[in-house]
Amino acid sequence: MHYAIMSEDVVDSLEKRKTARPTHLDRLNNLASQDRLLVAGPHPVVDSSAAR
């Protein structure tokens, strides 16, 4: 079974994201080394106003 984790950014979150990035990348590398990571990266933006 595959999972997608989707979230929204919040105002002024850059410093918090920069702090978490090394641990996040370590986790992704660990999953990749176990062949448990299909793909990683940002999801494309979904603009609901485009459908109007």
PDB file of N, CA and C in Angstrom:
ATOM      1  N   MET A   1       0.845  -1.174   0.000  1.00  0.00           N
ATOM      2  CA  MET A   1       0.000   0.000   0.000  1.00  0.00           C
ATOM      3  C   MET A   1       0.891   1.238   0.000  1.00  0.00           C
ATOM      4  N   HIS A   2       0.524   2.222  -0.821  1.00  0.00           N
ATOM      5  CA  HIS A   2       1.271   3.468  -0.885  1.00  0.00           C
ATOM      6  C   HIS A   2       0.534   4.564  -0.125  1.00  0.00           C
ATOM      7  N   TYR A   3       1.294   5.497   0.413  1.00  0.00           N
ATOM      8  CA  TYR A   3       0.734   6.631   1.134  1.00  0.00           C
ATOM      9  C   TYR A   3       1.311   7.915   0.566  1.00  0.00           C
ATOM     10  N   ALA A   4       0.524   8.977   0.597  1.00  0.00           N
ATOM     11  CA  ALA A   4       0.992  10.319   0.244  1.00  0.00           C
ATOM     12  C   ALA A   4       0.730  11.213   1.443  1.00  0.00           C
ATOM     13  N   ILE A   5       1.737  11.919   1.861  1.00  0.00           N
ATOM     14  CA  ILE A   5       1.582  12.859   2.964  1.00  0.00           C
ATOM     15  C   ILE A   5       1.519  14.254   2.358  1.00  0.00           C
ATOM     16  N   MET A   6       0.398  14.922   2.570  1.00  0.00           N
ATOM     17  CA  MET A   6       0.202  16.255   2.006  1.00  0.00           C
ATOM     18  C   MET A   6      -0.096  17.220   3.150  1.00  0.00           C
ATOM     19  N   SER A   7       0.512  18.383   3.064  1.00  0.00           N
ATOM     20  CA  SER A   7       0.298  19.392   4.101  1.00  0.00           C
ATOM     21  C   SER A   7       0.362  20.770   3.491  1.00  0.00           C
ATOM     22  N   GLU A   8      -0.019  21.755   4.273  1.00  0.00           N
ATOM     23  CA  GLU A   8       0.049  23.136   3.822  1.00  0.00           C
ATOM     24  C   GLU A   8       1.057  23.880   4.680  1.00  0.00           C
ATOM     25  N   ASP A   9       1.786  24.762   4.049  1.00  0.00           N
ATOM     26  CA  ASP A   9       2.757  25.569   4.758  1.00  0.00           C
ATOM     27  C   ASP A   9       2.033  26.669   5.527  1.00  0.00           C
ATOM     28  N   VAL A  10       2.692  27.194   6.528  1.00  0.00           N
ATOM     29  CA  VAL A  10       2.141  28.291   7.313  1.00  0.00           C
ATOM     30  C   VAL A  10       3.098  29.481   7.248  1.00  0.00           C
ATOM     31  N   VAL A  11       2.588  30.631   7.585  1.00  0.00           N
ATOM     32  CA  VAL A  11       3.388  31.860   7.562  1.00  0.00           C
ATOM     33  C   VAL A  11       4.566  31.742   8.524  1.00  0.00           C
ATOM     34  N   ASP A  12       5.714  32.230   8.103  1.00  0.00           N
ATOM     35  CA  ASP A  12       6.925  32.280   8.928  1.00  0.00           C
ATOM     36  C   ASP A  12       7.400  30.909   9.410  1.00  0.00           C
ATOM     37  N   SER A  13       7.321  29.901   8.553  1.00  0.00           N
ATOM     38  CA  SER A  13       7.735  28.556   8.955  1.00  0.00           C
ATOM     39  C   SER A  13       9.138  28.183   8.475  1.00  0.00           C
ATOM     40  N   LEU A  14       9.797  29.092   7.762  1.00  0.00           N
ATOM     41  CA  LEU A  14      11.093  28.754   7.165  1.00  0.00           C
ATOM     42  C   LEU A  14      12.104  28.284   8.201  1.00  0.00           C
ATOM     43  N   GLU A  15      12.261  28.991   9.292  1.00  0.00           N
ATOM     44  CA  GLU A  15      13.258  28.607  10.302  1.00  0.00           C
ATOM     45  C   GLU A  15      12.942  27.237  10.895  1.00  0.00           C
ATOM     46  N   LYS A  16      11.688  26.966  11.153  1.00  0.00           N
ATOM     47  CA  LYS A  16      11.298  25.659  11.705  1.00  0.00           C
ATOM     48  C   LYS A  16      11.585  24.546  10.693  1.00  0.00           C
ATOM     49  N   ARG A  17      11.291  24.799   9.418  1.00  0.00           N
ATOM     50  CA  ARG A  17      11.563  23.794   8.384  1.00  0.00           C
ATOM     51  C   ARG A  17      13.055  23.556   8.220  1.00  0.00           C
ATOM     52  N   LYS A  18      13.848  24.636   8.281  1.00  0.00           N
ATOM     53  CA  LYS A  18      15.301  24.491   8.160  1.00  0.00           C
ATOM     54  C   LYS A  18      15.869  23.674   9.316  1.00  0.00           C
ATOM     55  N   THR A  19      15.305  23.818  10.489  1.00  0.00           N
ATOM     56  CA  THR A  19      15.752  23.056  11.651  1.00  0.00           C
ATOM     57  C   THR A  19      15.423  21.568  11.495  1.00  0.00           C
ATOM     58  N   ALA A  20      14.258  21.268  10.936  1.00  0.00           N
ATOM     59  CA  ALA A  20      13.804  19.879  10.803  1.00  0.00           C
ATOM     60  C   ALA A  20      14.401  19.172   9.587  1.00  0.00           C
ATOM     61  N   ARG A  21      14.930  19.914   8.624  1.00  0.00           N
ATOM     62  CA  ARG A  21      15.373  19.342   7.349  1.00  0.00           C
ATOM     63  C   ARG A  21      16.408  18.223   7.469  1.00  0.00           C
ATOM     64  N   PRO A  22      17.481  18.368   8.261  1.00  0.00           N
ATOM     65  CA  PRO A  22      18.462  17.275   8.324  1.00  0.00           C
ATOM     66  C   PRO A  22      17.851  15.951   8.815  1.00  0.00           C
ATOM     67  N   THR A  23      17.013  16.010   9.822  1.00  0.00           N
ATOM     68  CA  THR A  23      16.376  14.788  10.332  1.00  0.00           C
ATOM     69  C   THR A  23      15.421  14.217   9.294  1.00  0.00           C
ATOM     70  N   HIS A  24      14.705  15.092   8.620  1.00  0.00           N
ATOM     71  CA  HIS A  24      13.778  14.676   7.569  1.00  0.00           C
ATOM     72  C   HIS A  24      14.525  13.948   6.448  1.00  0.00           C
ATOM     73  N   LEU A  25      15.632  14.516   5.994  1.00  0.00           N
ATOM     74  CA  LEU A  25      16.410  13.889   4.922  1.00  0.00           C
ATOM     75  C   LEU A  25      17.028  12.571   5.371  1.00  0.00           C
ATOM     76  N   ASP A  26      17.479  12.497   6.617  1.00  0.00           N
ATOM     77  CA  ASP A  26      17.991  11.229   7.153  1.00  0.00           C
ATOM     78  C   ASP A  26      16.918  10.156   7.100  1.00  0.00           C
ATOM     79  N   ARG A  27      15.703  10.514   7.470  1.00  0.00           N
ATOM     80  CA  ARG A  27      14.590   9.555   7.450  1.00  0.00           C
ATOM     81  C   ARG A  27      14.302   9.091   6.025  1.00  0.00           C
ATOM     82  N   LEU A  28      14.277  10.034   5.087  1.00  0.00           N
ATOM     83  CA  LEU A  28      14.029   9.660   3.693  1.00  0.00           C
ATOM     84  C   LEU A  28      15.129   8.751   3.161  1.00  0.00           C
ATOM     85  N   ASN A  29      16.383   9.063   3.478  1.00  0.00           N
ATOM     86  CA  ASN A  29      17.496   8.220   3.032  1.00  0.00           C
ATOM     87  C   ASN A  29      17.410   6.829   3.644  1.00  0.00           C
ATOM     88  N   ASN A  30      17.010   6.735   4.896  1.00  0.00           N
ATOM     89  CA  ASN A  30      16.850   5.443   5.558  1.00  0.00           C
ATOM     90  C   ASN A  30      15.748   4.631   4.871  1.00  0.00           C
ATOM     91  N   LEU A  31      14.624   5.256   4.589  1.00  0.00           N
ATOM     92  CA  LEU A  31      13.536   4.559   3.892  1.00  0.00           C
ATOM     93  C   LEU A  31      13.981   4.120   2.493  1.00  0.00           C
ATOM     94  N   ALA A  32      14.709   4.986   1.795  1.00  0.00           N
ATOM     95  CA  ALA A  32      15.186   4.639   0.451  1.00  0.00           C
ATOM     96  C   ALA A  32      16.144   3.452   0.498  1.00  0.00           C
ATOM     97  N   SER A  33      17.012   3.402   1.511  1.00  0.00           N
ATOM     98  CA  SER A  33      17.968   2.296   1.605  1.00  0.00           C
ATOM     99  C   SER A  33      17.275   0.967   1.890  1.00  0.00           C
ATOM    100  N   GLN A  34      16.053   1.034   2.412  1.00  0.00           N
ATOM    101  CA  GLN A  34      15.260  -0.169   2.679  1.00  0.00           C
ATOM    102  C   GLN A  34      14.270  -0.461   1.552  1.00  0.00           C
ATOM    103  N   ASP A  35      14.392   0.281   0.441  1.00  0.00           N
ATOM    104  CA  ASP A  35      13.453   0.163  -0.684  1.00  0.00           C
ATOM    105  C   ASP A  35      12.010   0.381  -0.243  1.00  0.00           C
ATOM    106  N   ARG A  36      11.818   1.310   0.687  1.00  0.00           N
ATOM    107  CA  ARG A  36      10.470   1.606   1.181  1.00  0.00           C
ATOM    108  C   ARG A  36       9.995   2.994   0.756  1.00  0.00           C
ATOM    109  N   LEU A  37      10.769   3.678  -0.087  1.00  0.00           N
ATOM    110  CA  LEU A  37      10.408   5.018  -0.526  1.00  0.00           C
ATOM    111  C   LEU A  37      10.196   4.998  -2.030  1.00  0.00           C
ATOM    112  N   LEU A  38       9.005   5.320  -2.455  1.00  0.00           N
ATOM    113  CA  LEU A  38       8.685   5.323  -3.878  1.00  0.00           C
ATOM    114  C   LEU A  38       9.122   6.629  -4.528  1.00  0.00           C
ATOM    115  N   VAL A  39       8.759   7.747  -3.928  1.00  0.00           N
ATOM    116  CA  VAL A  39       9.100   9.066  -4.454  1.00  0.00           C
ATOM    117  C   VAL A  39       9.047  10.070  -3.303  1.00  0.00           C
ATOM    118  N   ALA A  40       9.834  11.121  -3.391  1.00  0.00           N
ATOM    119  CA  ALA A  40       9.817  12.160  -2.359  1.00  0.00           C
ATOM    120  C   ALA A  40       9.937  13.514  -3.034  1.00  0.00           C
ATOM    121  N   GLY A  41       9.320  14.488  -2.461  1.00  0.00           N
ATOM    122  CA  GLY A  41       9.393  15.841  -2.988  1.00  0.00           C
ATOM    123  C   GLY A  41       8.064  16.536  -2.831  1.00  0.00           C
ATOM    124  N   PRO A  42       8.036  17.801  -3.200  1.00  0.00           N
ATOM    125  CA  PRO A  42       6.788  18.551  -3.038  1.00  0.00           C
ATOM    126  C   PRO A  42       5.729  18.089  -4.036  1.00  0.00           C
ATOM    127  N   HIS A  43       4.497  18.122  -3.597  1.00  0.00           N
ATOM    128  CA  HIS A  43       3.375  17.850  -4.498  1.00  0.00           C
ATOM    129  C   HIS A  43       3.112  19.110  -5.313  1.00  0.00           C
ATOM    130  N   PRO A  44       2.620  18.960  -6.534  1.00  0.00           N
ATOM    131  CA  PRO A  44       2.282  20.156  -7.304  1.00  0.00           C
ATOM    132  C   PRO A  44       1.146  20.921  -6.633  1.00  0.00           C
ATOM    133  N   VAL A  45       1.126  22.199  -6.839  1.00  0.00           N
ATOM    134  CA  VAL A  45       0.084  23.043  -6.256  1.00  0.00           C
ATOM    135  C   VAL A  45      -1.236  22.737  -6.946  1.00  0.00           C
ATOM    136  N   VAL A  46      -2.269  22.598  -6.147  1.00  0.00           N
ATOM    137  CA  VAL A  46      -3.609  22.413  -6.671  1.00  0.00           C
ATOM    138  C   VAL A  46      -4.347  23.724  -6.500  1.00  0.00           C
ATOM    139  N   ASP A  47      -4.680  24.365  -7.606  1.00  0.00           N
ATOM    140  CA  ASP A  47      -5.359  25.658  -7.564  1.00  0.00           C
ATOM    141  C   ASP A  47      -6.825  25.434  -7.867  1.00  0.00           C
ATOM    142  N   SER A  48      -7.638  25.456  -6.825  1.00  0.00           N
ATOM    143  CA  SER A  48      -9.067  25.189  -7.010  1.00  0.00           C
ATOM    144  C   SER A  48      -9.759  26.284  -7.819  1.00  0.00           C
ATOM    145  N   SER A  49      -9.179  27.474  -7.874  1.00  0.00           N
ATOM    146  CA  SER A  49      -9.814  28.551  -8.641  1.00  0.00           C
ATOM    147  C   SER A  49      -9.663  28.315 -10.142  1.00  0.00           C
ATOM    148  N   ALA A  50      -8.731  27.465 -10.560  1.00  0.00           N
ATOM    149  CA  ALA A  50      -8.517  27.194 -11.978  1.00  0.00           C
ATOM    150  C   ALA A  50      -9.697  26.446 -12.600  1.00  0.00           C
ATOM    151  N   ALA A  51     -10.461  25.745 -11.779  1.00  0.00           N
ATOM    152  CA  ALA A  51     -11.590  24.964 -12.288  1.00  0.00           C
ATOM    153  C   ALA A  51     -12.830  25.827 -12.522  1.00  0.00           C
ATOM    154  N   ARG A  52     -12.770  27.068 -12.129  1.00  0.00           N
ATOM    155  CA  ARG A  52     -13.960  27.943 -12.283  1.00  0.00           C
ATOM    156  C   ARG A  52     -14.101  28.480 -13.663  1.00  0.00           C
TER     157      ARG A  52
END
